[in-house]
Amino acid sequence: MFNFFAALVCKNCSQPIPLPSPTHPGRPLDRPLWPRDAQTRNFLCPQCKQVFAYSAQDAHWLSSGDMAPSPFRKRYSVVCIEVSCGTPNCEAPIKIHTPMACDADIPKESRRLVALSSVQLLGCGAAHFLKGSLHNAMVLRAYFDQDWQVR
């Protein structure tokens, strides 16, 4: 028997990035895969540590099939990690999302993940861009994103 789960497929390593259900207050349980605002989001792959932009069209139902057990056996949700673009006095952080266990030390785990990550090209709201390794990027904030439920 196959189980299905919502996920993004990493644009670098093709591994699934599991997604909990998005929060949609007042909507019927039609199992949407993406938050209502349909905004593009930057997601960090827990496997290869690459960050890419994803849209609602990138979210799919995947079959667990013969896959190895998920690293997300614990309850998890999506964490938003805000990092500095590196431009002095810029107040427009770059937001990076990733699934994370609910019992994780969010600030510590976020700093660890960012230090191991790299990006092709990500921009902040003020049109400054980051490219390459994020090992020197400053984590400004990290929190569970209210657009996603706990799974």
Protein backbone atom coordinates (compact mmCIF):
# COMPACT_ATOMS: atom_id res chain seq x y z
CA MET A 1 0.00 0.00 0.00
CA PHE A 2 1.27 3.45 -0.89
CA ASN A 3 1.01 6.52 1.27
CA PHE A 4 1.01 9.96 -0.28
CA PHE A 5 2.51 13.15 1.09
CA ALA A 6 2.78 16.73 -0.11
CA ALA A 7 6.27 17.76 -1.16
CA LEU A 8 8.49 19.86 -3.34
CA VAL A 9 11.07 18.05 -5.45
CA CYS A 10 14.48 19.64 -4.87
CA LYS A 11 15.70 21.43 -7.99
CA ASN A 12 19.24 20.27 -7.24
CA CYS A 13 19.18 16.69 -5.89
CA SER A 14 15.59 15.66 -6.78
CA GLN A 15 14.90 14.52 -3.21
CA PRO A 16 11.48 15.37 -1.74
CA ILE A 17 11.13 18.32 0.59
CA PRO A 18 8.08 17.29 2.67
CA LEU A 19 5.39 19.89 3.28
CA PRO A 20 2.76 19.93 6.00
CA SER A 21 -0.66 21.23 5.03
CA PRO A 22 -0.84 25.00 4.70
CA THR A 23 -3.14 26.90 7.03
CA HIS A 24 -6.35 28.05 5.38
CA PRO A 25 -8.69 29.35 8.08
CA GLY A 26 -12.34 28.97 7.20
CA ARG A 27 -11.78 26.77 4.14
CA PRO A 28 -13.08 23.25 3.76
CA LEU A 29 -10.59 20.45 4.11
CA ASP A 30 -9.81 20.14 0.42
CA ARG A 31 -6.14 19.48 1.19
CA PRO A 32 -4.47 22.43 -0.54
CA LEU A 33 -0.71 22.12 -1.00
CA TRP A 34 0.35 25.79 -0.82
CA PRO A 35 -0.65 28.83 1.28
CA ARG A 36 -3.53 30.90 -0.01
CA ASP A 37 -1.37 33.89 -1.00
CA ALA A 38 0.31 31.70 -3.70
CA GLN A 39 3.54 33.66 -3.26
CA THR A 40 6.85 32.14 -4.37
CA ARG A 41 8.98 30.98 -1.44
CA ASN A 42 12.65 30.09 -1.08
CA PHE A 43 13.06 26.54 0.27
CA LEU A 44 16.19 24.93 1.63
CA CYS A 45 16.50 21.22 0.85
CA PRO A 46 17.28 19.28 4.07
CA GLN A 47 19.27 16.75 2.02
CA CYS A 48 21.65 18.78 -0.20
CA LYS A 49 21.37 22.16 1.60
CA GLN A 50 20.69 24.08 -1.64
CA VAL A 51 18.14 26.92 -1.64
CA PHE A 52 15.87 27.54 -4.62
CA ALA A 53 12.68 29.51 -5.23
CA TYR A 54 9.50 27.40 -5.48
CA SER A 55 5.93 28.27 -6.38
CA ALA A 56 2.55 26.64 -5.80
CA GLN A 57 2.95 24.80 -9.11
CA ASP A 58 6.05 23.04 -7.70
CA ALA A 59 4.10 21.36 -4.86
CA HIS A 60 2.91 17.83 -5.63
CA TRP A 61 1.49 14.72 -4.01
CA LEU A 62 4.23 12.08 -3.98
CA SER A 63 3.98 8.39 -3.21
CA SER A 64 6.14 7.04 -0.42
CA GLY A 65 6.40 3.80 -2.43
CA ASP A 66 9.66 2.09 -1.69
CA MET A 67 11.35 5.19 -0.31
CA ALA A 68 13.45 5.01 2.82
CA PRO A 69 11.67 6.09 6.00
CA SER A 70 11.22 9.83 6.19
CA PRO A 71 13.60 11.86 8.34
CA PHE A 72 10.45 13.71 9.41
CA ARG A 73 8.95 10.93 11.52
CA LYS A 74 8.55 13.45 14.34
CA ARG A 75 6.01 16.25 14.23
CA TYR A 76 7.29 19.02 11.99
CA SER A 77 6.31 22.25 10.35
CA VAL A 78 7.91 24.84 8.09
CA VAL A 79 10.41 27.23 9.62
CA CYS A 80 11.11 30.63 8.09
CA ILE A 81 14.73 31.72 8.49
CA GLU A 82 15.36 35.39 7.81
CA VAL A 83 18.94 36.17 6.78
CA SER A 84 20.68 39.42 6.00
CA CYS A 85 21.42 40.12 2.35
CA GLY A 86 24.78 41.50 3.45
CA THR A 87 24.19 45.06 2.27
CA PRO A 88 24.89 47.56 5.09
CA ASN A 89 21.77 49.15 6.59
CA CYS A 90 19.38 47.04 4.48
CA GLU A 91 16.25 46.16 6.43
CA ALA A 92 14.78 43.74 3.86
CA PRO A 93 15.76 40.21 4.91
CA ILE A 94 15.88 37.22 2.61
CA LYS A 95 13.40 34.58 3.79
CA ILE A 96 14.36 30.92 3.52
CA HIS A 97 11.89 28.15 4.41
CA THR A 98 12.63 24.56 5.39
CA PRO A 99 10.81 21.73 7.17
CA MET A 100 11.96 21.28 10.76
CA ALA A 101 10.98 19.06 13.68
CA CYS A 102 8.73 20.82 16.19
CA ASP A 103 11.04 19.97 19.07
CA ALA A 104 14.15 21.39 17.36
CA ASP A 105 16.12 24.26 18.83
CA ILE A 106 15.02 26.60 16.02
CA PRO A 107 17.70 29.31 16.39
CA LYS A 108 20.55 26.81 16.73
CA GLU A 109 19.34 24.51 13.93
CA SER A 110 18.67 27.50 11.65
CA ARG A 111 22.22 28.83 12.12
CA ARG A 112 23.60 25.33 11.43
CA LEU A 113 21.55 24.88 8.25
CA VAL A 114 22.35 28.33 6.88
CA ALA A 115 26.08 27.81 7.50
CA LEU A 116 25.94 24.62 5.39
CA SER A 117 23.73 26.06 2.63
CA SER A 118 24.31 27.70 -0.70
CA VAL A 119 22.10 29.52 -3.19
CA GLN A 120 22.07 30.10 -6.93
CA LEU A 121 20.69 33.63 -6.61
CA LEU A 122 18.30 35.01 -4.00
CA GLY A 123 17.15 38.58 -3.60
CA CYS A 124 15.84 40.62 -0.71
CA GLY A 125 12.93 43.05 -1.00
CA ALA A 126 15.33 45.90 -1.78
CA ALA A 127 16.82 44.11 -4.84
CA HIS A 128 20.13 43.10 -3.23
CA PHE A 129 21.24 39.57 -4.09
CA LEU A 130 23.06 36.65 -2.48
CA LYS A 131 24.82 33.97 -4.49
CA GLY A 132 26.95 31.00 -3.43
CA SER A 133 27.69 29.81 0.08
CA LEU A 134 25.68 31.23 2.97
CA HIS A 135 28.28 30.31 5.62
CA ASN A 136 28.80 34.02 6.45
CA ALA A 137 25.12 35.02 6.24
CA MET A 138 23.72 36.44 9.45
CA VAL A 139 20.53 34.80 10.72
CA LEU A 140 18.29 37.64 11.87
CA ARG A 141 15.25 35.61 12.97
CA ALA A 142 13.93 32.06 12.76
CA TYR A 143 10.37 31.00 13.57
CA PHE A 144 7.64 28.54 12.66
CA ASP A 145 5.83 30.01 9.65
CA GLN A 146 2.15 30.57 10.45
CA ASP A 147 1.24 29.71 6.83
CA TRP A 148 1.91 26.00 7.52
CA GLN A 149 0.34 23.60 10.01
CA VAL A 150 2.20 21.27 12.31
CA ARG A 151 2.28 17.77 10.91
